[in-house]
C-alpha atoms as a PDB file:
ATOM      1  CA  MET A   1       0.000   0.000   0.000  1.00  0.00           C
ATOM      2  CA  LEU A   2       1.030   3.641  -0.156  1.00  0.00           C
ATOM      3  CA  GLY A   3       3.152   5.237   2.535  1.00  0.00           C
ATOM      4  CA  ARG A   4       2.218   8.302   4.539  1.00  0.00           C
ATOM      5  CA  HIS A   5       4.146  10.672   2.239  1.00  0.00           C
ATOM      6  CA  ALA A   6       2.412   9.351  -0.897  1.00  0.00           C
ATOM      7  CA  LEU A   7      -1.027   9.542   0.743  1.00  0.00           C
ATOM      8  CA  LYS A   8      -0.390  13.133   1.814  1.00  0.00           C
ATOM      9  CA  ALA A   9       0.733  14.045  -1.715  1.00  0.00           C
ATOM     10  CA  LEU A  10      -2.392  12.375  -3.129  1.00  0.00           C
ATOM     11  CA  ALA A  11      -4.619  14.292  -0.691  1.00  0.00           C
ATOM     12  CA  VAL A  12      -3.020  17.605  -1.705  1.00  0.00           C
ATOM     13  CA  TRP A  13      -3.318  16.717  -5.404  1.00  0.00           C
ATOM     14  CA  CYS A  14      -6.996  15.796  -5.018  1.00  0.00           C
ATOM     15  CA  ALA A  15      -7.852  18.888  -2.954  1.00  0.00           C
ATOM     16  CA  SER A  16      -6.353  21.226  -5.548  1.00  0.00           C
ATOM     17  CA  ARG A  17      -8.448  19.593  -8.295  1.00  0.00           C
ATOM     18  CA  GLY A  18     -11.795  19.233  -6.540  1.00  0.00           C
ATOM     19  CA  MET A  19     -11.421  15.478  -6.182  1.00  0.00           C
ATOM     20  CA  ARG A  20     -11.361  12.967  -3.376  1.00  0.00           C
ATOM     21  CA  TRP A  21      -9.980   9.477  -2.944  1.00  0.00           C
ATOM     22  CA  THR A  22     -11.082   6.536  -0.870  1.00  0.00           C
ATOM     23  CA  PRO A  23      -9.435   3.161  -0.306  1.00  0.00           C
ATOM     24  CA  ALA A  24     -10.908   0.420  -2.474  1.00  0.00           C
ATOM     25  CA  ARG A  25     -10.255  -3.074  -3.809  1.00  0.00           C
ATOM     26  CA  THR A  26     -10.865  -4.628  -7.181  1.00  0.00           C
ATOM     27  CA  ASP A  27     -13.143  -7.663  -7.563  1.00  0.00           C
ATOM     28  CA  ASP A  28     -10.130  -9.949  -7.139  1.00  0.00           C
ATOM     29  CA  GLY A  29      -8.977  -8.173  -3.951  1.00  0.00           C
ATOM     30  CA  THR A  30      -6.153  -6.076  -5.421  1.00  0.00           C
ATOM     31  CA  PRO A  31      -5.614  -2.833  -3.441  1.00  0.00           C
ATOM     32  CA  ALA A  32      -6.906   0.259  -5.232  1.00  0.00           C
ATOM     33  CA  LEU A  33      -7.905   3.884  -4.775  1.00  0.00           C
ATOM     34  CA  LEU A  34     -11.242   5.240  -5.949  1.00  0.00           C
ATOM     35  CA  LEU A  35     -10.954   8.768  -7.411  1.00  0.00           C
ATOM     36  CA  GLU A  36     -14.105  10.889  -7.623  1.00  0.00           C
ATOM     37  CA  ARG A  37     -14.936  14.505  -8.369  1.00  0.00           C
ATOM     38  CA  ARG A  38     -16.424  16.245  -5.325  1.00  0.00           C
ATOM     39  CA  ALA A  39     -18.651  18.779  -7.040  1.00  0.00           C
ATOM     40  CA  GLN A  40     -19.924  16.370  -9.708  1.00  0.00           C
ATOM     41  CA  PRO A  41     -21.548  13.373  -8.043  1.00  0.00           C
ATOM     42  CA  THR A  42     -22.704  12.058 -11.414  1.00  0.00           C
ATOM     43  CA  ALA A  43     -19.203  12.253 -12.933  1.00  0.00           C
ATOM     44  CA  GLU A  44     -17.558   8.973 -13.767  1.00  0.00           C
ATOM     45  CA  SER A  45     -15.192   7.723 -11.093  1.00  0.00           C
ATOM     46  CA  MET A  46     -11.803   6.161 -11.779  1.00  0.00           C
ATOM     47  CA  LEU A  47      -9.875   3.440 -10.058  1.00  0.00           C
ATOM     48  CA  VAL A  48      -6.128   3.516  -9.407  1.00  0.00           C
ATOM     49  CA  ILE A  49      -4.994  -0.091  -9.117  1.00  0.00           C
ATOM     50  CA  LEU A  50      -1.782  -0.799  -7.216  1.00  0.00           C
ATOM     51  CA  ASN A  51       0.271  -3.671  -8.655  1.00  0.00           C
ATOM     52  CA  ASP A  52       3.760  -4.986  -7.970  1.00  0.00           C
ATOM     53  CA  ASP A  53       4.948  -3.358 -11.203  1.00  0.00           C
ATOM     54  CA  GLY A  54       3.282   0.040 -10.699  1.00  0.00           C
ATOM     55  CA  PHE A  55      -0.070   1.717 -11.036  1.00  0.00           C
ATOM     56  CA  ARG A  56      -2.925   1.450 -13.521  1.00  0.00           C
ATOM     57  CA  LEU A  57      -5.758   3.937 -13.950  1.00  0.00           C
ATOM     58  CA  VAL A  58      -9.032   2.469 -15.221  1.00  0.00           C
ATOM     59  CA  ASP A  59     -12.394   4.039 -15.884  1.00  0.00           C
ATOM     60  CA  ALA A  60     -15.773   2.810 -14.616  1.00  0.00           C
ATOM     61  CA  ASN A  61     -15.933   0.317 -17.502  1.00  0.00           C
ATOM     62  CA  GLY A  62     -12.566  -1.171 -16.570  1.00  0.00           C
ATOM     63  CA  GLU A  63     -10.810   0.312 -19.596  1.00  0.00           C
ATOM     64  CA  LEU A  64      -7.173   1.214 -19.078  1.00  0.00           C
ATOM     65  CA  LEU A  65      -6.612   4.974 -19.239  1.00  0.00           C
ATOM     66  CA  ALA A  66      -2.970   5.083 -18.152  1.00  0.00           C
ATOM     67  CA  SER A  67      -0.257   3.132 -16.396  1.00  0.00           C
ATOM     68  CA  ALA A  68       2.892   4.292 -14.626  1.00  0.00           C
ATOM     69  CA  SER A  69       5.651   2.992 -12.421  1.00  0.00           C
ATOM     70  CA  ASP A  70       4.876   5.527  -9.686  1.00  0.00           C
ATOM     71  CA  LEU A  71       1.902   7.518  -8.426  1.00  0.00           C
ATOM     72  CA  PRO A  72       3.211  11.011  -9.342  1.00  0.00           C
ATOM     73  CA  SER A  73       3.613   9.911 -12.975  1.00  0.00           C
ATOM     74  CA  LEU A  74       0.070   8.564 -13.026  1.00  0.00           C
ATOM     75  CA  LEU A  75      -1.259  11.819 -11.562  1.00  0.00           C
ATOM     76  CA  ASP A  76       0.697  13.727 -14.215  1.00  0.00           C
ATOM     77  CA  ALA A  77      -1.109  11.662 -16.859  1.00  0.00           C
ATOM     78  CA  LEU A  78      -4.423  12.630 -15.287  1.00  0.00           C
ATOM     79  CA  ASP A  79      -3.384  16.287 -15.358  1.00  0.00           C
ATOM     80  CA  GLY A  80      -2.499  15.765 -19.008  1.00  0.00           C
ATOM     81  CA  GLY A  81      -6.094  14.777 -19.769  1.00  0.00           C
ATOM     82  CA  VAL A  82      -6.078  10.983 -20.140  1.00  0.00           C
ATOM     83  CA  ALA A  83      -9.455  10.779 -18.395  1.00  0.00           C
ATOM     84  CA  GLU A  84     -11.061  13.626 -20.313  1.00  0.00           C
ATOM     85  CA  PRO A  85     -13.593  12.733 -22.975  1.00  0.00           C
ATOM     86  CA  PRO A  86     -12.495  13.544 -26.527  1.00  0.00           C
ATOM     87  CA  ARG A  87     -13.398  17.059 -27.504  1.00  0.00           C
ATOM     88  CA  ARG A  88     -16.125  17.499 -30.044  1.00  0.00           C
ATOM     89  CA  ARG A  89     -15.156  18.909 -33.401  1.00  0.00           C
ATOM     90  CA  ALA A  90     -16.865  22.237 -32.617  1.00  0.00           C
ATOM     91  CA  ASP A  91     -14.715  22.590 -29.469  1.00  0.00           C
ATOM     92  CA  ARG A  92     -11.461  22.370 -31.375  1.00  0.00           C
ATOM     93  CA  PRO A  93      -9.704  25.632 -32.156  1.00  0.00           C
ATOM     94  CA  ALA A  94      -9.954  26.745 -35.748  1.00  0.00           C
ATOM     95  CA  VAL A  95      -6.839  26.214 -37.783  1.00  0.00           C
ATOM     96  CA  ALA A  96      -6.327  28.472 -40.739  1.00  0.00           C
ATOM     97  CA  SER A  97      -5.861  26.565 -43.944  1.00  0.00           C
ATOM     98  CA  THR A  98      -3.116  28.114 -46.013  1.00  0.00           C
ATOM     99  CA  PRO A  99      -1.643  26.571 -49.112  1.00  0.00           C
ATOM    100  CA  LEU A 100       1.910  25.340 -48.857  1.00  0.00           C
ATOM    101  CA  PRO A 101       4.443  27.135 -51.022  1.00  0.00           C
ATOM    102  CA  THR A 102       5.392  25.348 -54.189  1.00  0.00           C
ATOM    103  CA  LEU A 103       8.998  24.344 -54.371  1.00  0.00           C
ATOM    104  CA  MET A 104      10.585  25.344 -57.636  1.00  0.00           C
ATOM    105  CA  PRO A 105      13.397  23.156 -58.936  1.00  0.00           C
ATOM    106  CA  SER A 106      16.718  24.935 -58.906  1.00  0.00           C
ATOM    107  CA  HIS A 107      18.671  25.110 -62.127  1.00  0.00           C
ATOM    108  CA  ALA A 108      22.365  24.942 -61.411  1.00  0.00           C
END
């Protein structure tokens, strides 16, 4: 399981992002942490599964979102958006379409 320092770091990380964690176990008894958003009770929760080889983050359907050898790396992946739903096309910033310059062959 996680040591006191790691649990404190997780608590600080969660508090700064409006989340909370609770101890949990998978169906087969593997230690895990349940991550939930505080202000959004209907938001999908995630499970951080602790294995001998590191950590896995899975969604409510059991699909792997990320894996890492340590907890800070897994939390960095969460900050990077691995648990965010894909943005809709209308949400994407507009990219101006400009033609590429034509390369003219050089005559030497």
